[in-house]
Amino acid sequence: MAADWSQRKRSRALTREISPNFTKALASYFGTGPTDVGASQDAHANYVTALRENGVNVEVLPGLNDFPDCTFVEDAGVVIDDAVVIPHMGHPSRRGEQVAIRDFFGKCLEVFEMPEGAKMDGGDVVFFDDRFLVGHSTRTNMAGIEFFRGVALTRGYPTMVFQVPESTLHLTTICSSPRPGMLVTAEGYMVPEQFVELVAEGVEVLWVPNDEAYAANMIGFESGNVLISAGYPETQRILEAAGFNTQSVDMEHIRAADGSLTCCSIFYK
């Protein structure tokens, strides 16, 4: 499958600083809970620098005292071309984070707000070439998926639904797309049968080992560079064998709150 970056070039991103109360962030999957706000802020600053080094124009919103998880902006809005879906996030403690995200994107995109009863975290959405892959998880229900599906169809994008195992938080936690025509996912979480339809279309699926599952979340760029979490040598080897130039970012303190690379930004045109 030929790489077509026309719909997914990463030119602009919205991020948000670490909350001063980050030590109270949710953690029950990969993370054990943040313990050092200063080190977490440094890690986030390095993350933003890495995006900028790859040509991304990054906007950084201030952190919020009342929302310890607010740096994970991916959950608070999903961009679909010239529109943004503002979801009701799946954990009650996070509802309210999306207000500033809605206000920011309302200046340049058409806003679709989810109705009551529908819930979704943007971390359950992967934009993949000509469609969206959406996870049905503990944070995203079918009402949220159906609302999202309706908005995506208005922009010409179909939606594929994947069941996310209860052992992980979001679809993006263990599945990402570093370039067109390719998905990376983690052994022991997803299974090959879930990708049969895509593989039949020519999609290449790379599997990272179970003990490096966290590294399945990554950010690819048109240049051939890919941001990966530091400390996962087998994943780095797999990617470099596939022709990528890897750039590592230390995500230890972000991981402590169940956060990954994609969690910390929303890309838009």
Protein backbone atom coordinates (compact mmCIF):
# COMPACT_ATOMS: atom_id res chain seq x y z
CA MET A 1 0.00 0.00 0.00
CA ALA A 2 1.50 3.33 -1.07
CA ALA A 3 2.04 5.91 1.68
CA ASP A 4 -0.33 8.86 1.29
CA TRP A 5 0.24 11.58 3.87
CA SER A 6 -2.22 14.03 2.32
CA GLN A 7 -4.82 13.58 5.07
CA ARG A 8 -2.51 13.08 8.03
CA LYS A 9 0.50 15.37 7.78
CA ARG A 10 1.24 16.60 11.29
CA SER A 11 1.67 20.35 10.97
CA ARG A 12 -0.06 21.69 14.11
CA ALA A 13 -0.73 20.27 17.55
CA LEU A 14 -2.53 21.37 20.69
CA THR A 15 -0.96 20.36 24.00
CA ARG A 16 -1.48 21.28 27.64
CA GLU A 17 1.00 21.64 30.48
CA ILE A 18 1.15 19.20 33.38
CA SER A 19 -1.32 20.02 36.15
CA PRO A 20 0.19 21.26 39.42
CA ASN A 21 -1.86 18.41 40.96
CA PHE A 22 -0.53 15.72 38.61
CA THR A 23 0.24 13.42 41.54
CA LYS A 24 -3.55 12.96 41.85
CA ALA A 25 -3.92 11.78 38.24
CA LEU A 26 -5.68 8.50 37.54
CA ALA A 27 -3.53 5.39 37.28
CA SER A 28 -4.62 1.75 37.17
CA TYR A 29 -3.25 0.22 33.96
CA PHE A 30 0.39 0.81 32.92
CA GLY A 31 0.99 3.42 35.59
CA THR A 32 1.53 3.38 39.36
CA GLY A 33 0.73 7.07 39.91
CA PRO A 34 2.93 10.15 39.38
CA THR A 35 5.16 11.12 42.28
CA ASP A 36 7.19 14.08 40.98
CA VAL A 37 5.41 17.03 39.37
CA GLY A 38 8.64 18.81 38.47
CA ALA A 39 10.10 15.79 36.68
CA SER A 40 6.77 15.28 34.90
CA GLN A 41 6.79 18.89 33.73
CA ASP A 42 10.33 18.46 32.42
CA ALA A 43 9.29 15.30 30.58
CA HIS A 44 6.36 17.11 28.99
CA ALA A 45 8.59 20.01 27.94
CA ASN A 46 10.93 17.52 26.26
CA TYR A 47 7.94 15.98 24.51
CA VAL A 48 6.88 19.36 23.13
CA THR A 49 10.45 20.01 22.01
CA ALA A 50 10.48 16.68 20.15
CA LEU A 51 7.30 17.62 18.29
CA ARG A 52 8.77 20.96 17.31
CA GLU A 53 11.98 19.30 16.14
CA ASN A 54 9.79 17.36 13.72
CA GLY A 55 8.28 20.51 12.23
CA VAL A 56 5.09 20.69 14.30
CA ASN A 57 3.72 24.10 15.28
CA VAL A 58 2.75 23.42 18.92
CA GLU A 59 0.25 25.40 20.97
CA VAL A 60 0.56 24.84 24.74
CA LEU A 61 -2.38 25.53 27.04
CA PRO A 62 -1.79 26.04 30.78
CA GLY A 63 -2.32 23.13 33.17
CA LEU A 64 -5.41 23.12 35.39
CA ASN A 65 -5.35 22.76 39.17
CA ASP A 66 -8.77 21.12 39.27
CA PHE A 67 -8.02 18.48 36.62
CA PRO A 68 -4.93 16.38 37.37
CA ASP A 69 -5.23 14.48 34.06
CA CYS A 70 -5.65 17.57 31.87
CA THR A 71 -2.32 17.14 30.05
CA PHE A 72 -3.90 14.18 28.22
CA VAL A 73 -5.67 16.41 25.71
CA GLU A 74 -6.16 13.58 23.19
CA ASP A 75 -9.15 12.42 25.26
CA ALA A 76 -10.90 15.79 25.22
CA GLY A 77 -11.35 16.31 21.47
CA VAL A 78 -11.13 14.38 18.20
CA VAL A 79 -10.45 16.33 15.01
CA ILE A 80 -12.09 15.20 11.77
CA ASP A 81 -10.80 17.47 8.98
CA ASP A 82 -12.61 20.80 9.57
CA ALA A 83 -14.62 19.54 12.54
CA VAL A 84 -13.95 18.49 16.12
CA VAL A 85 -15.98 16.11 18.27
CA ILE A 86 -16.04 17.13 21.93
CA PRO A 87 -16.84 14.01 23.91
CA HIS A 88 -18.17 13.31 27.37
CA MET A 89 -15.06 11.66 28.76
CA GLY A 90 -15.45 8.26 30.34
CA HIS A 91 -14.22 9.02 33.86
CA PRO A 92 -16.35 11.48 35.87
CA SER A 93 -13.32 13.24 37.36
CA ARG A 94 -12.25 14.42 33.90
CA ARG A 95 -15.50 16.04 32.81
CA GLY A 96 -14.80 19.73 32.45
CA GLU A 97 -11.35 19.40 30.90
CA GLN A 98 -12.90 19.65 27.46
CA VAL A 99 -14.21 23.22 27.92
CA ALA A 100 -10.92 24.91 27.01
CA ILE A 101 -10.40 22.42 24.16
CA ARG A 102 -13.83 23.26 22.75
CA ASP A 103 -13.15 26.98 23.05
CA PHE A 104 -9.77 26.66 21.34
CA PHE A 105 -11.01 24.65 18.37
CA GLY A 106 -14.27 26.58 18.15
CA LYS A 107 -12.27 29.42 16.61
CA CYS A 108 -11.22 27.35 13.60
CA LEU A 109 -13.31 24.17 13.40
CA GLU A 110 -16.98 23.18 13.43
CA VAL A 111 -17.78 21.81 16.89
CA PHE A 112 -19.91 18.72 17.55
CA GLU A 113 -20.65 18.08 21.23
CA MET A 114 -21.72 14.63 22.35
CA PRO A 115 -25.17 14.27 23.91
CA GLU A 116 -25.70 13.06 27.46
CA GLY A 117 -25.47 9.30 27.80
CA ALA A 118 -22.80 9.02 25.12
CA LYS A 119 -19.26 8.78 26.42
CA MET A 120 -15.89 8.59 24.73
CA ASP A 121 -12.23 9.24 25.37
CA GLY A 122 -10.34 10.45 22.32
CA GLY A 123 -7.68 7.91 23.26
CA ASP A 124 -10.00 5.29 21.80
CA VAL A 125 -9.75 6.82 18.31
CA VAL A 126 -7.02 6.14 15.75
CA PHE A 127 -7.16 8.00 12.44
CA PHE A 128 -5.98 5.52 9.86
CA ASP A 129 -5.64 6.75 6.27
CA ASP A 130 -9.24 6.81 4.97
CA ARG A 131 -11.14 5.76 8.10
CA PHE A 132 -11.24 5.86 11.87
CA LEU A 133 -10.53 2.91 14.13
CA VAL A 134 -12.52 3.28 17.35
CA GLY A 135 -12.18 1.27 20.53
CA HIS A 136 -15.13 0.07 22.59
CA SER A 137 -13.62 0.23 26.07
CA THR A 138 -14.36 0.97 29.70
CA ARG A 139 -14.17 4.68 28.80
CA THR A 140 -16.05 4.63 25.47
CA ASN A 141 -19.56 3.22 25.08
CA MET A 142 -21.55 2.33 21.97
CA ALA A 143 -23.63 5.51 22.19
CA GLY A 144 -20.43 7.52 21.98
CA ILE A 145 -19.19 5.42 19.09
CA GLU A 146 -22.42 5.85 17.15
CA PHE A 147 -22.39 9.62 17.65
CA PHE A 148 -18.79 9.77 16.49
CA ARG A 149 -19.55 7.50 13.53
CA GLY A 150 -22.30 9.87 12.39
CA VAL A 151 -20.02 12.92 12.46
CA ALA A 152 -17.20 11.06 10.70
CA LEU A 153 -19.55 10.02 7.91
CA THR A 154 -20.45 13.66 7.25
CA ARG A 155 -16.77 14.13 6.36
CA GLY A 156 -16.63 10.95 4.28
CA TYR A 157 -14.87 8.65 6.77
CA PRO A 158 -16.16 5.21 7.76
CA THR A 159 -15.53 3.79 11.22
CA MET A 160 -14.26 0.38 12.29
CA VAL A 161 -14.93 -0.70 15.87
CA PHE A 162 -12.43 -2.74 17.91
CA GLN A 163 -13.10 -4.32 21.28
CA VAL A 164 -10.45 -3.09 23.70
CA PRO A 165 -9.46 -5.66 26.33
CA GLU A 166 -10.24 -4.73 29.92
CA SER A 167 -6.53 -5.09 30.68
CA THR A 168 -5.78 -1.81 28.91
CA LEU A 169 -7.14 1.72 28.96
CA HIS A 170 -7.61 2.83 25.35
CA LEU A 171 -7.21 1.59 21.81
CA THR A 172 -4.32 4.01 21.25
CA THR A 173 -2.57 2.61 24.32
CA ILE A 174 -1.75 -0.56 22.38
CA CYS A 175 -2.33 0.43 18.73
CA SER A 176 -1.03 3.27 16.57
CA SER A 177 -0.21 4.08 12.97
CA PRO A 178 3.29 5.47 12.34
CA ARG A 179 2.73 5.85 8.60
CA PRO A 180 -0.01 5.29 6.02
CA GLY A 181 -0.74 1.64 5.37
CA MET A 182 0.79 0.45 8.65
CA LEU A 183 -0.45 -0.31 12.14
CA VAL A 184 1.64 -1.21 15.17
CA THR A 185 0.02 -3.16 17.97
CA ALA A 186 0.93 -5.22 21.01
CA GLU A 187 0.99 -8.96 21.44
CA GLY A 188 -1.22 -10.21 24.25
CA TYR A 189 -3.70 -7.36 23.91
CA MET A 190 -4.99 -7.37 20.33
CA VAL A 191 -5.20 -10.56 18.24
CA PRO A 192 -4.54 -11.12 14.51
CA GLU A 193 -8.21 -11.93 13.85
CA GLN A 194 -9.13 -8.32 14.62
CA PHE A 195 -7.04 -7.11 11.67
CA VAL A 196 -8.04 -9.67 9.02
CA GLU A 197 -10.13 -7.20 7.03
CA LEU A 198 -7.38 -4.59 7.01
CA VAL A 199 -4.65 -7.09 6.12
CA ALA A 200 -6.79 -8.24 3.20
CA GLU A 201 -6.70 -4.64 1.96
CA GLY A 202 -2.90 -4.60 2.08
CA VAL A 203 -2.37 -3.06 5.51
CA GLU A 204 0.91 -4.04 7.19
CA VAL A 205 0.61 -4.89 10.89
CA LEU A 206 3.73 -4.84 13.06
CA TRP A 207 3.56 -6.60 16.41
CA VAL A 208 5.63 -5.49 19.38
CA PRO A 209 6.29 -8.03 22.16
CA ASN A 210 3.97 -8.20 25.13
CA ASP A 211 6.63 -7.02 27.56
CA GLU A 212 7.05 -3.85 25.45
CA ALA A 213 3.33 -3.27 24.91
CA TYR A 214 3.57 0.34 26.12
CA ALA A 215 5.82 1.14 23.16
CA ALA A 216 3.06 0.28 20.66
CA ASN A 217 1.90 3.89 21.09
CA MET A 218 4.04 6.10 18.84
CA ILE A 219 3.88 9.14 16.55
CA GLY A 220 5.07 8.99 12.96
CA PHE A 221 5.99 11.86 10.63
CA GLU A 222 6.12 12.31 6.89
CA SER A 223 9.92 12.53 7.08
CA GLY A 224 10.16 8.89 8.13
CA ASN A 225 10.92 9.82 11.74
CA VAL A 226 8.91 8.18 14.48
CA LEU A 227 8.73 9.22 18.14
CA ILE A 228 8.90 6.26 20.48
CA SER A 229 9.09 5.88 24.23
CA ALA A 230 12.61 5.38 25.52
CA GLY A 231 13.60 2.05 27.01
CA TYR A 232 12.02 -0.40 24.56
CA PRO A 233 14.89 -1.79 22.46
CA GLU A 234 13.00 -4.55 20.64
CA THR A 235 10.33 -2.13 19.44
CA GLN A 236 13.07 0.24 18.29
CA ARG A 237 14.72 -2.62 16.39
CA ILE A 238 11.43 -3.63 14.74
CA LEU A 239 10.77 -0.07 13.59
CA GLU A 240 14.26 0.55 12.28
CA ALA A 241 14.09 -2.74 10.36
CA ALA A 242 10.90 -1.39 8.80
CA GLY A 243 12.77 1.69 7.56
CA PHE A 244 12.01 4.27 10.26
CA ASN A 245 14.36 6.71 11.91
CA THR A 246 13.54 6.46 15.62
CA GLN A 247 13.65 9.30 18.13
CA SER A 248 13.20 8.35 21.78
CA VAL A 249 11.40 10.41 24.42
CA ASP A 250 11.58 9.53 28.11
CA MET A 251 7.95 8.91 29.09
CA GLU A 252 8.50 7.35 32.52
CA HIS A 253 6.75 10.11 34.45
CA ILE A 254 3.92 10.39 31.92
CA ARG A 255 3.42 6.62 31.92
CA ALA A 256 2.98 6.80 35.70
CA ALA A 257 -0.46 8.32 35.02
CA ASP A 258 -1.31 5.78 32.28
CA GLY A 259 -0.33 8.36 29.65
CA SER A 260 1.43 7.68 26.34
CA LEU A 261 2.92 9.74 23.52
CA THR A 262 -0.30 10.33 21.57
CA CYS A 263 -2.24 11.16 24.76
CA CYS A 264 -0.46 14.49 25.10
CA SER A 265 -1.46 16.14 21.81
CA ILE A 266 -4.26 16.72 19.32
CA PHE A 267 -3.05 17.16 15.75
CA TYR A 268 -5.03 19.38 13.41
CA LYS A 269 -4.63 21.15 10.07
